[in-house]
Structure formats: structure tokens, C-alpha cells
């Protein structure tokens, strides 16, 4: 069954094949594609809003995004010269007073949730919060290290200890 509609594909399929630029980039269950995207395209394509993908440099177990340190769950295995990005789902970004600073651009009320559209270290960032969650004037964020994927040249890399 072929479809370009992600909701339809994720609803009816036991396994989904995701293609990008004419190549298969990942095959998996809907849960696998959402929780562990193997490619940045999969992370952005699956889910609404899609995964946040931020350019970064890696220093041990820290991703540096625009000069701000983001703790990782381990040290990724990366070859030199690769373009590095981190990916985190909007559901795993937490608003927190005293967190890493963001600039809130817009809040979209979509019923049971709100999508906060913001900028973090100069990069676009989407955050999903509960409908009753207050958005602080001096907003900051915290990322769950276990929910961050590291990507080299768009492909997920393994995390070491």
C-alpha cells in the first residue's frame, strides 16, 4: 500500500517504509519511527509538529548549540568532518524558569495542547505543552538527555557511555 499521508500510513501499517530522495531511509513500526528516527528526514516527517533538528558541535557528552551546552545521555561516535545535528521531539522539551533561554515567537492553542514556537540559540524550536500550562515571560527550556538523538550527515549515530 503506497501513500504520501503520514497519518494514513501510521494508522494502517504494521511496518512503514520511509523514502527520501528516492532512497529507503528507514523501515520500522510507527513507534520505532517516532521514538528512534534513523534519519533527520524521518524525525521531521513523522509527528506533528516534527522533530526539532538543531545544528551542533559535540564536546564529550555535551552538544553545543549556538554556544549553549545541551547535556547528552552519552558520548556519540562521530568521524571528523561530519555535519552534526541533534534532534529532539517537541514533546520532550520542557519549559522551565531558569532553563536555557528561548525567545517565544508564537503560541498555537490546538485544544488539549499548545505548541510554543520559539527560538533557541538562533534556531527554530517547537515545544508541546499541556493546554493549562503557563508560558513564563522569561521562558527557558530543558531537554531530556535520554530523548535527544545525535545525527551525523543526517544519519543517527550510536551513543557511548
Foldseek 3Di string as FASTA:
>chain_A
DDDPDQVVCLVPDQKDFDDDPRHGQDIHHLVCLDQPPFFQVSQCSRDVNGKFKAWFDDDFQWTAGLNDTAGAPAGWDDDPPWGKIKIAHLAQKDKDVVAQFKAFDDWACPDQWIWTWIAGSNGTDIHIGGNPDDQDPRIHIHGDNHRMFMDTNRGTTDGDD
